[in-house]
C-alpha cells in the first residue's frame, strides 16, 4: 500500500532541491551570457525569492517527515523564516 502522506512530504523537499539546482543552473547560464558575476546575478531580488522558495519547500517537506515534535517545530520555524525572506525579497523588487 502506498503511503500518500510520506509521498507528499517527500515530494515537497525533493521539489525544493530540484528548484534550487534549476535556479543556480539558470543563474550560471545567464550570468555567463551577460558577462556578470554569478554572485551579482544571484543577488537580484527575483533570484533571491526563488532560492528562498526552494528552502521553504524543503523545510515544509521535512516538517511533515520529522520524527519528534521538536524536530517538526524546528523545521516549521525554518519554514517561517524562509516565508519572511521571500516577502522581503519581493518587497525589495518593487
N, C-alpha and C. Protein backbone atom coordinates (compact mmCIF):
# COMPACT_ATOMS: atom_id res chain seq x y z
N UNK A 1 0.84 -1.18 0.00
CA UNK A 1 0.00 0.00 0.00
C UNK A 1 0.89 1.25 0.00
N UNK A 2 0.50 2.22 -0.77
CA UNK A 2 1.27 3.44 -0.91
C UNK A 2 0.94 4.41 0.22
N UNK A 3 1.94 4.93 0.86
CA UNK A 3 1.75 5.90 1.94
C UNK A 3 1.74 7.30 1.32
N UNK A 4 0.56 7.84 1.08
CA UNK A 4 0.41 9.13 0.40
C UNK A 4 0.97 10.28 1.23
N UNK A 5 0.88 10.16 2.54
CA UNK A 5 1.41 11.18 3.43
C UNK A 5 2.92 11.34 3.22
N UNK A 6 3.63 10.24 3.26
CA UNK A 6 5.09 10.27 3.06
C UNK A 6 5.44 10.72 1.64
N UNK A 7 4.66 10.24 0.67
CA UNK A 7 4.92 10.62 -0.72
C UNK A 7 4.77 12.13 -0.91
N UNK A 8 3.74 12.70 -0.32
CA UNK A 8 3.52 14.14 -0.46
C UNK A 8 4.64 14.97 0.14
N UNK A 9 5.04 14.63 1.36
CA UNK A 9 6.10 15.41 2.01
C UNK A 9 7.47 15.17 1.39
N UNK A 10 7.72 13.95 0.93
CA UNK A 10 8.98 13.71 0.21
C UNK A 10 9.01 14.48 -1.10
N UNK A 11 7.86 14.59 -1.76
CA UNK A 11 7.79 15.37 -3.00
C UNK A 11 8.12 16.83 -2.77
N UNK A 12 7.69 17.37 -1.62
CA UNK A 12 7.98 18.77 -1.32
C UNK A 12 9.47 19.03 -1.20
N UNK A 13 10.18 18.23 -0.39
CA UNK A 13 11.60 18.54 -0.21
C UNK A 13 12.40 18.21 -1.45
N UNK A 14 12.00 17.18 -2.20
CA UNK A 14 12.71 16.87 -3.44
C UNK A 14 12.47 17.97 -4.46
N UNK A 15 11.24 18.49 -4.51
CA UNK A 15 10.94 19.62 -5.40
C UNK A 15 11.74 20.86 -5.02
N UNK A 16 11.93 21.08 -3.72
CA UNK A 16 12.74 22.21 -3.28
C UNK A 16 14.19 22.07 -3.72
N UNK A 17 14.73 20.86 -3.61
CA UNK A 17 16.11 20.63 -4.08
C UNK A 17 16.22 20.82 -5.58
N UNK A 18 15.23 20.32 -6.32
CA UNK A 18 15.25 20.46 -7.77
C UNK A 18 15.15 21.93 -8.18
N UNK A 19 14.32 22.69 -7.47
CA UNK A 19 14.21 24.12 -7.76
C UNK A 19 15.52 24.83 -7.49
N UNK A 20 16.20 24.49 -6.40
CA UNK A 20 17.48 25.13 -6.09
C UNK A 20 18.51 24.85 -7.18
N UNK A 21 18.59 23.61 -7.64
CA UNK A 21 19.53 23.26 -8.70
C UNK A 21 19.18 24.01 -9.98
N UNK A 22 17.89 24.09 -10.29
CA UNK A 22 17.46 24.79 -11.51
C UNK A 22 17.78 26.28 -11.44
N UNK A 23 17.58 26.90 -10.28
CA UNK A 23 17.87 28.33 -10.12
C UNK A 23 19.36 28.60 -10.28
N UNK A 24 20.19 27.79 -9.65
CA UNK A 24 21.63 28.00 -9.76
C UNK A 24 22.12 27.74 -11.19
N UNK A 25 21.56 26.74 -11.84
CA UNK A 25 21.93 26.46 -13.22
C UNK A 25 21.53 27.61 -14.14
N UNK A 26 20.32 28.09 -13.97
CA UNK A 26 19.81 29.21 -14.77
C UNK A 26 20.65 30.46 -14.53
N UNK A 27 20.94 30.74 -13.26
CA UNK A 27 21.74 31.91 -12.93
C UNK A 27 23.15 31.81 -13.51
N UNK A 28 23.74 30.63 -13.45
CA UNK A 28 25.08 30.43 -14.00
C UNK A 28 25.08 30.68 -15.50
N UNK A 29 24.06 30.18 -16.17
CA UNK A 29 23.96 30.36 -17.62
C UNK A 29 23.74 31.83 -17.99
N UNK A 30 22.83 32.48 -17.30
CA UNK A 30 22.52 33.88 -17.59
C UNK A 30 23.69 34.80 -17.24
N UNK A 31 24.33 34.55 -16.12
CA UNK A 31 25.46 35.38 -15.72
C UNK A 31 26.61 35.24 -16.71
N UNK A 32 26.86 34.04 -17.18
CA UNK A 32 27.93 33.83 -18.15
C UNK A 32 27.61 34.48 -19.49
N UNK A 33 26.35 34.45 -19.87
CA UNK A 33 25.95 35.03 -21.15
C UNK A 33 25.98 36.55 -21.16
N UNK A 34 25.76 37.16 -20.00
CA UNK A 34 25.74 38.63 -19.93
C UNK A 34 27.06 39.21 -19.43
N UNK A 35 27.98 38.34 -19.02
CA UNK A 35 29.26 38.83 -18.54
C UNK A 35 29.24 39.27 -17.08
N UNK A 36 28.15 39.00 -16.37
CA UNK A 36 28.08 39.35 -14.95
C UNK A 36 28.70 38.24 -14.11
N UNK A 37 29.01 38.60 -12.88
CA UNK A 37 29.47 37.58 -11.94
C UNK A 37 28.25 36.83 -11.42
N UNK A 38 28.43 35.57 -11.08
CA UNK A 38 27.33 34.74 -10.60
C UNK A 38 26.72 35.31 -9.32
N UNK A 39 27.55 35.76 -8.42
CA UNK A 39 27.06 36.32 -7.16
C UNK A 39 26.21 37.56 -7.37
N UNK A 40 26.62 38.40 -8.31
CA UNK A 40 25.83 39.60 -8.59
C UNK A 40 24.48 39.24 -9.19
N UNK A 41 24.45 38.22 -10.01
CA UNK A 41 23.19 37.80 -10.61
C UNK A 41 22.27 37.17 -9.57
N UNK A 42 22.85 36.40 -8.66
CA UNK A 42 22.05 35.76 -7.62
C UNK A 42 21.55 36.75 -6.58
N UNK A 43 22.14 37.93 -6.48
CA UNK A 43 21.69 38.93 -5.52
C UNK A 43 20.48 39.71 -6.00
N UNK A 44 20.00 39.46 -7.18
CA UNK A 44 18.78 40.13 -7.64
C UNK A 44 17.60 39.59 -6.83
N UNK A 45 16.64 40.47 -6.51
CA UNK A 45 15.52 40.06 -5.65
C UNK A 45 14.71 38.87 -6.20
N UNK A 46 14.55 38.79 -7.51
CA UNK A 46 13.79 37.68 -8.08
C UNK A 46 14.50 36.35 -7.85
N UNK A 47 15.81 36.36 -8.02
CA UNK A 47 16.59 35.14 -7.82
C UNK A 47 16.61 34.76 -6.34
N UNK A 48 16.73 35.76 -5.48
CA UNK A 48 16.71 35.50 -4.04
C UNK A 48 15.38 34.86 -3.63
N UNK A 49 14.28 35.39 -4.17
CA UNK A 49 12.96 34.84 -3.83
C UNK A 49 12.85 33.39 -4.26
N UNK A 50 13.40 33.04 -5.42
CA UNK A 50 13.35 31.65 -5.88
C UNK A 50 14.21 30.74 -5.01
N UNK A 51 15.35 31.22 -4.59
CA UNK A 51 16.20 30.43 -3.70
C UNK A 51 15.51 30.20 -2.36
N UNK A 52 14.88 31.25 -1.83
CA UNK A 52 14.16 31.11 -0.57
C UNK A 52 12.93 30.21 -0.74
N UNK A 53 12.30 30.25 -1.89
CA UNK A 53 11.17 29.35 -2.15
C UNK A 53 11.62 27.90 -2.12
N UNK A 54 12.80 27.63 -2.67
CA UNK A 54 13.30 26.25 -2.62
C UNK A 54 13.57 25.84 -1.17
N UNK A 55 14.08 26.75 -0.36
CA UNK A 55 14.28 26.45 1.06
C UNK A 55 12.96 26.24 1.78
N UNK A 56 11.95 27.02 1.41
CA UNK A 56 10.63 26.86 2.02
C UNK A 56 10.04 25.49 1.68
N UNK A 57 10.13 25.08 0.43
CA UNK A 57 9.62 23.77 0.04
C UNK A 57 10.34 22.65 0.78
N UNK A 58 11.66 22.78 0.87
CA UNK A 58 12.43 21.77 1.58
C UNK A 58 12.07 21.69 3.05
N UNK A 59 11.95 22.83 3.69
CA UNK A 59 11.64 22.81 5.12
C UNK A 59 10.20 22.36 5.38
N UNK A 60 9.26 22.67 4.48
CA UNK A 60 7.90 22.17 4.65
C UNK A 60 7.86 20.65 4.51
N UNK A 61 8.60 20.13 3.54
CA UNK A 61 8.65 18.69 3.39
C UNK A 61 9.24 18.00 4.59
N UNK A 62 10.29 18.56 5.13
CA UNK A 62 10.93 17.94 6.28
C UNK A 62 10.15 18.16 7.57
N UNK A 63 9.31 19.20 7.60
CA UNK A 63 8.42 19.38 8.75
C UNK A 63 7.45 18.20 8.84
N UNK A 64 6.91 17.81 7.72
CA UNK A 64 5.98 16.69 7.72
C UNK A 64 6.63 15.35 7.95
N UNK A 65 7.91 15.25 7.70
CA UNK A 65 8.61 13.96 7.87
C UNK A 65 9.33 13.84 9.20
N UNK A 66 9.32 14.90 10.00
CA UNK A 66 10.04 14.87 11.28
C UNK A 66 9.51 13.78 12.20
N UNK A 67 10.40 13.19 12.96
CA UNK A 67 10.02 12.07 13.83
C UNK A 67 9.59 12.53 15.21
N UNK A 68 10.19 13.60 15.70
CA UNK A 68 9.82 14.07 17.03
C UNK A 68 9.14 15.44 16.92
N UNK A 69 8.36 15.80 17.90
CA UNK A 69 7.72 17.13 17.87
C UNK A 69 8.73 18.28 17.83
N UNK A 70 9.85 18.12 18.51
CA UNK A 70 10.87 19.16 18.49
C UNK A 70 11.44 19.34 17.09
N UNK A 71 11.70 18.22 16.41
CA UNK A 71 12.23 18.30 15.05
C UNK A 71 11.22 18.99 14.12
N UNK A 72 9.96 18.64 14.26
CA UNK A 72 8.92 19.27 13.43
C UNK A 72 8.82 20.76 13.73
N UNK A 73 8.93 21.12 15.00
CA UNK A 73 8.88 22.54 15.38
C UNK A 73 10.03 23.31 14.77
N UNK A 74 11.23 22.75 14.82
CA UNK A 74 12.39 23.45 14.27
C UNK A 74 12.28 23.61 12.75
N UNK A 75 11.80 22.58 12.05
CA UNK A 75 11.62 22.71 10.60
C UNK A 75 10.52 23.71 10.28
N UNK A 76 9.47 23.76 11.11
CA UNK A 76 8.41 24.75 10.89
C UNK A 76 8.94 26.17 11.10
N UNK A 77 9.83 26.35 12.07
CA UNK A 77 10.44 27.67 12.27
C UNK A 77 11.28 28.07 11.06
N UNK A 78 12.00 27.10 10.48
CA UNK A 78 12.76 27.38 9.26
C UNK A 78 11.82 27.80 8.13
N UNK A 79 10.66 27.12 8.05
CA UNK A 79 9.69 27.45 7.01
C UNK A 79 9.19 28.89 7.20
N UNK A 80 8.94 29.29 8.43
CA UNK A 80 8.52 30.67 8.70
C UNK A 80 9.61 31.67 8.33
N UNK A 81 10.85 31.32 8.63
CA UNK A 81 11.98 32.18 8.28
C UNK A 81 12.07 32.36 6.77
N UNK A 82 11.96 31.27 6.02
CA UNK A 82 12.01 31.36 4.56
C UNK A 82 10.83 32.16 4.01
N UNK A 83 9.66 32.02 4.62
CA UNK A 83 8.50 32.79 4.17
C UNK A 83 8.76 34.28 4.35
N UNK A 84 9.31 34.66 5.49
CA UNK A 84 9.66 36.06 5.72
C UNK A 84 10.69 36.57 4.73
N UNK A 85 11.67 35.74 4.42
CA UNK A 85 12.70 36.13 3.46
C UNK A 85 12.13 36.32 2.06
N UNK A 86 11.17 35.46 1.68
CA UNK A 86 10.53 35.61 0.38
C UNK A 86 9.79 36.94 0.31
N UNK A 87 9.06 37.26 1.37
CA UNK A 87 8.31 38.52 1.41
C UNK A 87 9.26 39.71 1.30
N UNK A 88 10.36 39.66 2.03
CA UNK A 88 11.33 40.76 1.98
C UNK A 88 11.97 40.88 0.60
N UNK A 89 12.29 39.75 -0.01
CA UNK A 89 12.91 39.78 -1.34
C UNK A 89 11.95 40.35 -2.37
N UNK A 90 10.69 39.99 -2.29
CA UNK A 90 9.71 40.51 -3.24
C UNK A 90 9.40 41.99 -2.98
N UNK A 91 9.48 42.40 -1.73
CA UNK A 91 9.29 43.81 -1.41
C UNK A 91 10.43 44.65 -1.96
N UNK A 92 11.66 44.11 -1.93
CA UNK A 92 12.82 44.82 -2.48
C UNK A 92 12.71 44.99 -3.99
N UNK A 93 12.01 44.08 -4.61
CA UNK A 93 11.86 44.13 -6.07
C UNK A 93 11.07 45.37 -6.49
N UNK A 94 10.14 45.79 -5.66
CA UNK A 94 9.30 46.94 -6.03
C UNK A 94 9.97 48.19 -5.72
